[in-house]
Protein backbone atom coordinates (compact mmCIF):
# COMPACT_ATOMS: atom_id res chain seq x y z
CA UNK A 1 60.51 15.72 -34.74
CA UNK A 2 59.88 12.95 -37.33
CA UNK A 3 61.61 12.78 -40.74
CA UNK A 4 58.87 11.57 -43.15
CA UNK A 5 59.34 10.23 -46.65
CA UNK A 6 56.71 11.33 -49.07
CA UNK A 7 55.97 8.59 -51.80
CA UNK A 8 52.88 9.89 -53.48
CA UNK A 9 50.93 13.08 -54.24
CA UNK A 10 47.23 13.86 -54.97
CA UNK A 11 46.25 16.52 -57.62
CA UNK A 12 42.65 17.40 -58.56
CA UNK A 13 43.38 16.47 -62.20
CA UNK A 14 46.27 14.04 -62.28
CA UNK A 15 47.06 14.45 -65.97
CA UNK A 16 47.71 18.09 -65.70
CA UNK A 17 51.16 19.25 -65.09
CA UNK A 18 49.96 22.83 -63.98
CA UNK A 19 47.65 21.60 -61.28
CA UNK A 20 48.57 22.21 -57.62
CA UNK A 21 49.28 19.24 -55.25
CA UNK A 22 46.34 18.92 -52.72
CA UNK A 23 47.77 16.00 -50.57
CA UNK A 24 51.02 14.11 -50.05
CA UNK A 25 51.42 10.81 -48.39
CA UNK A 26 53.23 7.55 -47.90
CA UNK A 27 50.64 4.56 -48.10
CA UNK A 28 53.21 2.06 -46.58
CA UNK A 29 53.76 4.21 -43.51
CA UNK A 30 49.89 4.71 -43.45
CA UNK A 31 49.53 8.56 -43.75
CA UNK A 32 48.20 11.17 -46.14
CA UNK A 33 48.10 14.87 -45.21
CA UNK A 34 46.67 17.93 -47.05
CA UNK A 35 49.21 20.46 -48.33
CA UNK A 36 48.16 22.91 -45.73
CA UNK A 37 49.00 20.53 -42.90
CA UNK A 38 52.55 19.74 -44.36
CA UNK A 39 53.28 23.46 -44.72
CA UNK A 40 52.20 24.13 -41.17
CA UNK A 41 54.32 21.18 -39.92
CA UNK A 42 57.41 22.43 -41.75
CA UNK A 43 56.72 26.02 -40.52
CA UNK A 44 56.44 24.74 -37.02
CA UNK A 45 59.46 22.42 -37.32
CA UNK A 46 57.37 19.64 -36.05
CA UNK A 47 58.27 17.32 -39.03
CA UNK A 48 60.70 17.31 -41.89
CA UNK A 49 59.63 15.86 -45.32
CA UNK A 50 61.69 14.42 -48.26
CA UNK A 51 61.53 12.33 -51.35
CA UNK A 52 64.03 9.84 -52.70
CA UNK A 53 64.93 9.71 -56.38
CA UNK A 54 63.85 6.33 -57.64
CA UNK A 55 66.98 5.81 -59.78
CA UNK A 56 69.80 7.35 -57.58
CA UNK A 57 68.11 7.09 -54.07
CA UNK A 58 69.40 10.75 -53.69
CA UNK A 59 67.32 12.62 -51.10
CA UNK A 60 65.52 15.85 -51.84
CA UNK A 61 64.11 17.74 -48.89
CA UNK A 62 60.65 19.40 -49.05
CA UNK A 63 60.30 23.07 -48.48
CA UNK A 64 57.75 25.76 -48.67
CA UNK A 65 57.75 28.43 -51.47
CA UNK A 66 55.91 31.55 -50.97
CA UNK A 67 55.42 33.41 -54.11
CA UNK A 68 54.10 37.09 -53.88
CA UNK A 69 50.32 37.15 -54.39
CA UNK A 70 49.88 33.43 -54.48
CA UNK A 71 49.20 30.65 -51.85
CA UNK A 72 52.34 28.91 -50.64
CA UNK A 73 53.09 25.54 -52.14
CA UNK A 74 55.51 22.59 -51.59
CA UNK A 75 58.64 21.90 -53.60
CA UNK A 76 61.71 19.89 -53.16
CA UNK A 77 65.37 20.96 -53.13
CA UNK A 78 68.71 19.23 -53.09
CA UNK A 79 72.16 20.57 -52.88
CA UNK A 80 70.69 24.12 -52.60
CA UNK A 81 68.62 23.85 -55.83
CA UNK A 82 64.81 23.85 -56.13
CA UNK A 83 63.39 20.93 -58.26
CA UNK A 84 60.17 19.20 -59.16
CA UNK A 85 60.77 15.86 -57.70
CA UNK A 86 57.30 15.92 -55.90
CA UNK A 87 55.41 16.22 -59.17
CA UNK A 88 57.38 13.11 -60.47
CA UNK A 89 55.82 10.99 -57.63
CA UNK A 90 52.77 8.72 -58.50
CA UNK A 91 49.17 9.54 -57.64
CA UNK A 92 48.13 8.48 -54.14
CA UNK A 93 45.62 5.66 -53.99
CA UNK A 94 42.07 6.76 -53.16
């Protein structure tokens, strides 16, 4: 199992705070995956994913949220609290 740091996200309309994330990645590590592949990897326990706060270097793990009647999505959590650290990341380069 690999422990992978996510450093960027891709949204269809980067300026919208209500858009869903379609891809996440780490350009320095040379990877970018679609959201569905990350969810599958987390579910299958083949990889773990996390982000680091740029100011405190505190780690937030990435988990899968499954709201009733909606597609699952990725969200970070630290110290047992869900937060939006993924949405604070920069847009992945094209």
